[in-house]
């Protein structure tokens, strides 16, 4: 799996665990619904670490906890 795909899947996984849709995640992170939609729809070719950190904060986890997932094992 590619890193970008793993990151998208992890964000979707966290949202599902917290019963968050894009609007809820947008409210918790301060990131616009459109930006999140572009990120999760993989239309955004890059995402900054700052954006990822804001997503983690919105999900009440650390960056370490974000990457501590089987999704990030055996990346291409």
PDB file of N, CA and C in Angstrom:
ATOM      1  N   UNK A   1       0.849  -1.174   0.000  1.00  0.00           N
ATOM      2  CA  UNK A   1       0.000   0.000   0.000  1.00  0.00           C
ATOM      3  C   UNK A   1       0.895   1.238   0.000  1.00  0.00           C
ATOM      4  N   UNK A   2       0.442   2.249  -0.677  1.00  0.00           N
ATOM      5  CA  UNK A   2       1.185   3.509  -0.715  1.00  0.00           C
ATOM      6  C   UNK A   2       0.871   4.329   0.536  1.00  0.00           C
ATOM      7  N   UNK A   3       1.805   5.170   0.933  1.00  0.00           N
ATOM      8  CA  UNK A   3       1.654   5.981   2.142  1.00  0.00           C
ATOM      9  C   UNK A   3       0.401   6.841   2.071  1.00  0.00           C
ATOM     10  N   UNK A   4       0.192   7.498   0.949  1.00  0.00           N
ATOM     11  CA  UNK A   4      -0.957   8.385   0.806  1.00  0.00           C
ATOM     12  C   UNK A   4      -2.266   7.623   1.017  1.00  0.00           C
ATOM     13  N   UNK A   5      -2.363   6.439   0.476  1.00  0.00           N
ATOM     14  CA  UNK A   5      -3.564   5.618   0.642  1.00  0.00           C
ATOM     15  C   UNK A   5      -3.747   5.219   2.097  1.00  0.00           C
ATOM     16  N   UNK A   6      -2.654   4.862   2.764  1.00  0.00           N
ATOM     17  CA  UNK A   6      -2.719   4.481   4.180  1.00  0.00           C
ATOM     18  C   UNK A   6      -3.188   5.653   5.035  1.00  0.00           C
ATOM     19  N   UNK A   7      -2.700   6.856   4.752  1.00  0.00           N
ATOM     20  CA  UNK A   7      -3.118   8.042   5.513  1.00  0.00           C
ATOM     21  C   UNK A   7      -4.612   8.280   5.325  1.00  0.00           C
ATOM     22  N   UNK A   8      -5.085   8.212   4.088  1.00  0.00           N
ATOM     23  CA  UNK A   8      -6.519   8.420   3.834  1.00  0.00           C
ATOM     24  C   UNK A   8      -7.361   7.382   4.554  1.00  0.00           C
ATOM     25  N   UNK A   9      -6.937   6.135   4.478  1.00  0.00           N
ATOM     26  CA  UNK A   9      -7.692   5.069   5.155  1.00  0.00           C
ATOM     27  C   UNK A   9      -7.697   5.260   6.666  1.00  0.00           C
ATOM     28  N   UNK A  10      -6.563   5.705   7.212  1.00  0.00           N
ATOM     29  CA  UNK A  10      -6.474   5.910   8.665  1.00  0.00           C
ATOM     30  C   UNK A  10      -7.408   7.028   9.114  1.00  0.00           C
ATOM     31  N   UNK A  11      -7.472   8.109   8.342  1.00  0.00           N
ATOM     32  CA  UNK A  11      -8.380   9.203   8.688  1.00  0.00           C
ATOM     33  C   UNK A  11      -9.823   8.711   8.656  1.00  0.00           C
ATOM     34  N   UNK A  12     -10.179   7.971   7.622  1.00  0.00           N
ATOM     35  CA  UNK A  12     -11.537   7.431   7.522  1.00  0.00           C
ATOM     36  C   UNK A  12     -11.836   6.471   8.673  1.00  0.00           C
ATOM     37  N   UNK A  13     -10.832   5.679   9.054  1.00  0.00           N
ATOM     38  CA  UNK A  13     -10.980   4.743  10.167  1.00  0.00           C
ATOM     39  C   UNK A  13     -11.256   5.497  11.467  1.00  0.00           C
ATOM     40  N   UNK A  14     -10.490   6.548  11.707  1.00  0.00           N
ATOM     41  CA  UNK A  14     -10.664   7.349  12.923  1.00  0.00           C
ATOM     42  C   UNK A  14     -12.042   8.013  12.954  1.00  0.00           C
ATOM     43  N   UNK A  15     -12.486   8.510  11.820  1.00  0.00           N
ATOM     44  CA  UNK A  15     -13.815   9.130  11.753  1.00  0.00           C
ATOM     45  C   UNK A  15     -14.897   8.103  12.067  1.00  0.00           C
ATOM     46  N   UNK A  16     -14.762   6.912  11.513  1.00  0.00           N
ATOM     47  CA  UNK A  16     -15.754   5.864  11.771  1.00  0.00           C
ATOM     48  C   UNK A  16     -15.778   5.493  13.246  1.00  0.00           C
ATOM     49  N   UNK A  17     -14.598   5.387  13.856  1.00  0.00           N
ATOM     50  CA  UNK A  17     -14.517   5.040  15.278  1.00  0.00           C
ATOM     51  C   UNK A  17     -15.180   6.094  16.151  1.00  0.00           C
ATOM     52  N   UNK A  18     -15.120   7.340  15.712  1.00  0.00           N
ATOM     53  CA  UNK A  18     -15.652   8.448  16.508  1.00  0.00           C
ATOM     54  C   UNK A  18     -17.022   8.911  16.025  1.00  0.00           C
ATOM     55  N   UNK A  19     -17.575   8.182  15.069  1.00  0.00           N
ATOM     56  CA  UNK A  19     -18.875   8.514  14.492  1.00  0.00           C
ATOM     57  C   UNK A  19     -18.887   9.950  13.965  1.00  0.00           C
ATOM     58  N   UNK A  20     -17.827  10.311  13.236  1.00  0.00           N
ATOM     59  CA  UNK A  20     -17.701  11.645  12.657  1.00  0.00           C
ATOM     60  C   UNK A  20     -17.878  11.572  11.152  1.00  0.00           C
ATOM     61  N   UNK A  21     -18.679  12.474  10.614  1.00  0.00           N
ATOM     62  CA  UNK A  21     -18.712  12.642   9.172  1.00  0.00           C
ATOM     63  C   UNK A  21     -17.787  13.810   8.821  1.00  0.00           C
ATOM     64  N   UNK A  22     -17.732  14.190   7.558  1.00  0.00           N
ATOM     65  CA  UNK A  22     -16.824  15.271   7.166  1.00  0.00           C
ATOM     66  C   UNK A  22     -17.157  16.588   7.859  1.00  0.00           C
ATOM     67  N   UNK A  23     -18.430  16.872   8.009  1.00  0.00           N
ATOM     68  CA  UNK A  23     -18.825  18.126   8.685  1.00  0.00           C
ATOM     69  C   UNK A  23     -18.364  18.130  10.136  1.00  0.00           C
ATOM     70  N   UNK A  24     -18.539  16.999  10.818  1.00  0.00           N
ATOM     71  CA  UNK A  24     -18.097  16.897  12.212  1.00  0.00           C
ATOM     72  C   UNK A  24     -16.597  17.025  12.335  1.00  0.00           C
ATOM     73  N   UNK A  25     -15.872  16.386  11.434  1.00  0.00           N
ATOM     74  CA  UNK A  25     -14.412  16.493  11.454  1.00  0.00           C
ATOM     75  C   UNK A  25     -13.981  17.920  11.145  1.00  0.00           C
ATOM     76  N   UNK A  26     -14.659  18.561  10.225  1.00  0.00           N
ATOM     77  CA  UNK A  26     -14.346  19.957   9.896  1.00  0.00           C
ATOM     78  C   UNK A  26     -14.524  20.856  11.114  1.00  0.00           C
ATOM     79  N   UNK A  27     -15.627  20.665  11.835  1.00  0.00           N
ATOM     80  CA  UNK A  27     -15.868  21.470  13.043  1.00  0.00           C
ATOM     81  C   UNK A  27     -14.784  21.240  14.094  1.00  0.00           C
ATOM     82  N   UNK A  28     -14.403  19.980  14.292  1.00  0.00           N
ATOM     83  CA  UNK A  28     -13.421  19.660  15.336  1.00  0.00           C
ATOM     84  C   UNK A  28     -12.009  20.126  14.976  1.00  0.00           C
ATOM     85  N   UNK A  29     -11.710  20.209  13.675  1.00  0.00           N
ATOM     86  CA  UNK A  29     -10.345  20.529  13.266  1.00  0.00           C
ATOM     87  C   UNK A  29     -10.155  21.968  12.804  1.00  0.00           C
ATOM     88  N   UNK A  30     -11.246  22.616  12.415  1.00  0.00           N
ATOM     89  CA  UNK A  30     -11.126  23.952  11.843  1.00  0.00           C
ATOM     90  C   UNK A  30     -10.669  23.920  10.391  1.00  0.00           C
ATOM     91  N   UNK A  31     -10.660  22.731   9.803  1.00  0.00           N
ATOM     92  CA  UNK A  31     -10.296  22.575   8.399  1.00  0.00           C
ATOM     93  C   UNK A  31     -11.598  22.568   7.605  1.00  0.00           C
ATOM     94  N   UNK A  32     -11.622  23.256   6.480  1.00  0.00           N
ATOM     95  CA  UNK A  32     -12.867  23.359   5.726  1.00  0.00           C
ATOM     96  C   UNK A  32     -13.339  21.996   5.225  1.00  0.00           C
ATOM     97  N   UNK A  33     -14.642  21.881   5.091  1.00  0.00           N
ATOM     98  CA  UNK A  33     -15.264  20.666   4.572  1.00  0.00           C
ATOM     99  C   UNK A  33     -14.704  20.360   3.188  1.00  0.00           C
ATOM    100  N   UNK A  34     -14.553  21.367   2.370  1.00  0.00           N
ATOM    101  CA  UNK A  34     -14.033  21.184   1.008  1.00  0.00           C
ATOM    102  C   UNK A  34     -12.619  20.607   1.024  1.00  0.00           C
ATOM    103  N   UNK A  35     -11.761  21.149   1.889  1.00  0.00           N
ATOM    104  CA  UNK A  35     -10.385  20.650   1.980  1.00  0.00           C
ATOM    105  C   UNK A  35     -10.375  19.192   2.425  1.00  0.00           C
ATOM    106  N   UNK A  36     -11.155  18.876   3.449  1.00  0.00           N
ATOM    107  CA  UNK A  36     -11.219  17.490   3.918  1.00  0.00           C
ATOM    108  C   UNK A  36     -11.772  16.567   2.840  1.00  0.00           C
ATOM    109  N   UNK A  37     -12.770  17.034   2.117  1.00  0.00           N
ATOM    110  CA  UNK A  37     -13.334  16.239   1.039  1.00  0.00           C
ATOM    111  C   UNK A  37     -12.288  15.967  -0.039  1.00  0.00           C
ATOM    112  N   UNK A  38     -11.500  16.981  -0.366  1.00  0.00           N
ATOM    113  CA  UNK A  38     -10.437  16.800  -1.357  1.00  0.00           C
ATOM    114  C   UNK A  38      -9.361  15.838  -0.861  1.00  0.00           C
ATOM    115  N   UNK A  39      -9.033  15.914   0.412  1.00  0.00           N
ATOM    116  CA  UNK A  39      -8.016  15.022   0.985  1.00  0.00           C
ATOM    117  C   UNK A  39      -8.524  13.579   0.970  1.00  0.00           C
ATOM    118  N   UNK A  40      -9.719  13.363   1.478  1.00  0.00           N
ATOM    119  CA  UNK A  40     -10.245  12.008   1.595  1.00  0.00           C
ATOM    120  C   UNK A  40     -10.681  11.428   0.258  1.00  0.00           C
ATOM    121  N   UNK A  41     -11.019  12.293  -0.680  1.00  0.00           N
ATOM    122  CA  UNK A  41     -11.365  11.829  -2.021  1.00  0.00           C
ATOM    123  C   UNK A  41     -10.127  11.652  -2.880  1.00  0.00           C
ATOM    124  N   UNK A  42      -8.970  11.896  -2.298  1.00  0.00           N
ATOM    125  CA  UNK A  42      -7.661  11.761  -2.931  1.00  0.00           C
ATOM    126  C   UNK A  42      -7.511  12.676  -4.144  1.00  0.00           C
ATOM    127  N   UNK A  43      -8.258  13.788  -4.149  1.00  0.00           N
ATOM    128  CA  UNK A  43      -8.092  14.792  -5.201  1.00  0.00           C
ATOM    129  C   UNK A  43      -6.967  15.750  -4.845  1.00  0.00           C
ATOM    130  N   UNK A  44      -6.651  15.824  -3.557  1.00  0.00           N
ATOM    131  CA  UNK A  44      -5.553  16.659  -3.092  1.00  0.00           C
ATOM    132  C   UNK A  44      -4.279  15.821  -3.152  1.00  0.00           C
ATOM    133  N   UNK A  45      -3.335  16.241  -3.958  1.00  0.00           N
ATOM    134  CA  UNK A  45      -2.131  15.441  -4.169  1.00  0.00           C
ATOM    135  C   UNK A  45      -1.162  15.479  -2.992  1.00  0.00           C
ATOM    136  N   UNK A  46      -1.295  16.476  -2.127  1.00  0.00           N
ATOM    137  CA  UNK A  46      -0.398  16.544  -0.970  1.00  0.00           C
ATOM    138  C   UNK A  46      -1.156  17.123   0.221  1.00  0.00           C
ATOM    139  N   UNK A  47      -0.714  16.726   1.384  1.00  0.00           N
ATOM    140  CA  UNK A  47      -1.280  17.234   2.625  1.00  0.00           C
ATOM    141  C   UNK A  47      -0.112  17.595   3.525  1.00  0.00           C
ATOM    142  N   UNK A  48      -0.190  18.736   4.168  1.00  0.00           N
ATOM    143  CA  UNK A  48       0.898  19.138   5.040  1.00  0.00           C
ATOM    144  C   UNK A  48       0.830  18.397   6.371  1.00  0.00           C
ATOM    145  N   UNK A  49       1.964  18.323   7.024  1.00  0.00           N
ATOM    146  CA  UNK A  49       1.980  17.729   8.364  1.00  0.00           C
ATOM    147  C   UNK A  49       1.146  18.553   9.328  1.00  0.00           C
ATOM    148  N   UNK A  50       1.092  19.851   9.104  1.00  0.00           N
ATOM    149  CA  UNK A  50       0.270  20.714   9.962  1.00  0.00           C
ATOM    150  C   UNK A  50      -1.203  20.315   9.852  1.00  0.00           C
ATOM    151  N   UNK A  51      -1.670  20.038   8.643  1.00  0.00           N
ATOM    152  CA  UNK A  51      -3.050  19.600   8.447  1.00  0.00           C
ATOM    153  C   UNK A  51      -3.280  18.261   9.137  1.00  0.00           C
ATOM    154  N   UNK A  52      -2.346  17.353   8.975  1.00  0.00           N
ATOM    155  CA  UNK A  52      -2.471  16.048   9.622  1.00  0.00           C
ATOM    156  C   UNK A  52      -2.482  16.200  11.145  1.00  0.00           C
ATOM    157  N   UNK A  53      -1.665  17.093  11.668  1.00  0.00           N
ATOM    158  CA  UNK A  53      -1.640  17.329  13.104  1.00  0.00           C
ATOM    159  C   UNK A  53      -2.992  17.872  13.577  1.00  0.00           C
ATOM    160  N   UNK A  54      -3.593  18.769  12.808  1.00  0.00           N
ATOM    161  CA  UNK A  54      -4.911  19.306  13.174  1.00  0.00           C
ATOM    162  C   UNK A  54      -5.972  18.206  13.165  1.00  0.00           C
ATOM    163  N   UNK A  55      -5.876  17.287  12.210  1.00  0.00           N
ATOM    164  CA  UNK A  55      -6.808  16.160  12.169  1.00  0.00           C
ATOM    165  C   UNK A  55      -6.622  15.291  13.410  1.00  0.00           C
ATOM    166  N   UNK A  56      -5.371  15.034  13.774  1.00  0.00           N
ATOM    167  CA  UNK A  56      -5.091  14.247  14.982  1.00  0.00           C
ATOM    168  C   UNK A  56      -5.647  14.927  16.220  1.00  0.00           C
ATOM    169  N   UNK A  57      -5.432  16.231  16.337  1.00  0.00           N
ATOM    170  CA  UNK A  57      -5.949  16.971  17.492  1.00  0.00           C
ATOM    171  C   UNK A  57      -7.473  16.903  17.535  1.00  0.00           C
ATOM    172  N   UNK A  58      -8.116  16.997  16.376  1.00  0.00           N
ATOM    173  CA  UNK A  58      -9.570  16.906  16.310  1.00  0.00           C
ATOM    174  C   UNK A  58     -10.084  15.535  16.718  1.00  0.00           C
ATOM    175  N   UNK A  59      -9.260  14.520  16.521  1.00  0.00           N
ATOM    176  CA  UNK A  59      -9.627  13.152  16.914  1.00  0.00           C
ATOM    177  C   UNK A  59      -9.080  12.785  18.285  1.00  0.00           C
ATOM    178  N   UNK A  60      -8.469  13.751  18.964  1.00  0.00           N
ATOM    179  CA  UNK A  60      -7.904  13.565  20.304  1.00  0.00           C
ATOM    180  C   UNK A  60      -6.853  12.464  20.355  1.00  0.00           C
ATOM    181  N   UNK A  61      -5.967  12.461  19.344  1.00  0.00           N
ATOM    182  CA  UNK A  61      -4.845  11.524  19.338  1.00  0.00           C
ATOM    183  C   UNK A  61      -3.572  12.274  18.966  1.00  0.00           C
ATOM    184  N   UNK A  62      -2.448  11.631  19.209  1.00  0.00           N
ATOM    185  CA  UNK A  62      -1.158  12.204  18.818  1.00  0.00           C
ATOM    186  C   UNK A  62      -0.774  11.699  17.427  1.00  0.00           C
ATOM    187  N   UNK A  63       0.212  12.336  16.836  1.00  0.00           N
ATOM    188  CA  UNK A  63       0.734  11.850  15.560  1.00  0.00           C
ATOM    189  C   UNK A  63       1.265  10.425  15.714  1.00  0.00           C
ATOM    190  N   UNK A  64       1.892  10.163  16.845  1.00  0.00           N
ATOM    191  CA  UNK A  64       2.401   8.813  17.103  1.00  0.00           C
ATOM    192  C   UNK A  64       1.261   7.799  17.079  1.00  0.00           C
ATOM    193  N   UNK A  65       0.157   8.129  17.732  1.00  0.00           N
ATOM    194  CA  UNK A  65      -0.997   7.225  17.740  1.00  0.00           C
ATOM    195  C   UNK A  65      -1.593   7.074  16.337  1.00  0.00           C
ATOM    196  N   UNK A  66      -1.556   8.148  15.564  1.00  0.00           N
ATOM    197  CA  UNK A  66      -2.069   8.077  14.199  1.00  0.00           C
ATOM    198  C   UNK A  66      -1.307   7.031  13.392  1.00  0.00           C
ATOM    199  N   UNK A  67       0.020   7.084  13.473  1.00  0.00           N
ATOM    200  CA  UNK A  67       0.843   6.181  12.673  1.00  0.00           C
ATOM    201  C   UNK A  67       1.035   4.807  13.305  1.00  0.00           C
ATOM    202  N   UNK A  68       0.565   4.637  14.525  1.00  0.00           N
ATOM    203  CA  UNK A  68       0.663   3.337  15.186  1.00  0.00           C
ATOM    204  C   UNK A  68      -0.519   2.466  14.768  1.00  0.00           C
ATOM    205  N   UNK A  69      -0.511   2.082  13.512  1.00  0.00           N
ATOM    206  CA  UNK A  69      -1.587   1.290  12.916  1.00  0.00           C
ATOM    207  C   UNK A  69      -0.985   0.315  11.932  1.00  0.00           C
ATOM    208  N   UNK A  70      -1.621  -0.822  11.798  1.00  0.00           N
ATOM    209  CA  UNK A  70      -1.153  -1.822  10.844  1.00  0.00           C
ATOM    210  C   UNK A  70      -1.172  -1.293   9.406  1.00  0.00           C
ATOM    211  N   UNK A  71      -1.945  -0.251   9.156  1.00  0.00           N
ATOM    212  CA  UNK A  71      -1.977   0.326   7.813  1.00  0.00           C
ATOM    213  C   UNK A  71      -0.604   0.817   7.362  1.00  0.00           C
ATOM    214  N   UNK A  72       0.253   1.155   8.310  1.00  0.00           N
ATOM    215  CA  UNK A  72       1.554   1.727   7.969  1.00  0.00           C
ATOM    216  C   UNK A  72       2.683   0.702   7.978  1.00  0.00           C
ATOM    217  N   UNK A  73       2.328  -0.550   8.081  1.00  0.00           N
ATOM    218  CA  UNK A  73       3.320  -1.607   7.995  1.00  0.00           C
ATOM    219  C   UNK A  73       3.391  -2.051   6.535  1.00  0.00           C
ATOM    220  N   UNK A  74       4.558  -2.364   6.074  1.00  0.00           N
ATOM    221  CA  UNK A  74       4.740  -2.864   4.712  1.00  0.00           C
ATOM    222  C   UNK A  74       4.283  -1.887   3.632  1.00  0.00           C
ATOM    223  N   UNK A  75       4.653  -0.629   3.791  1.00  0.00           N
ATOM    224  CA  UNK A  75       4.326   0.365   2.766  1.00  0.00           C
ATOM    225  C   UNK A  75       5.249   0.210   1.575  1.00  0.00           C
ATOM    226  N   UNK A  76       4.755   0.611   0.423  1.00  0.00           N
ATOM    227  CA  UNK A  76       5.574   0.587  -0.801  1.00  0.00           C
ATOM    228  C   UNK A  76       6.598   1.702  -0.748  1.00  0.00           C
TER     229      UNK A  76
END
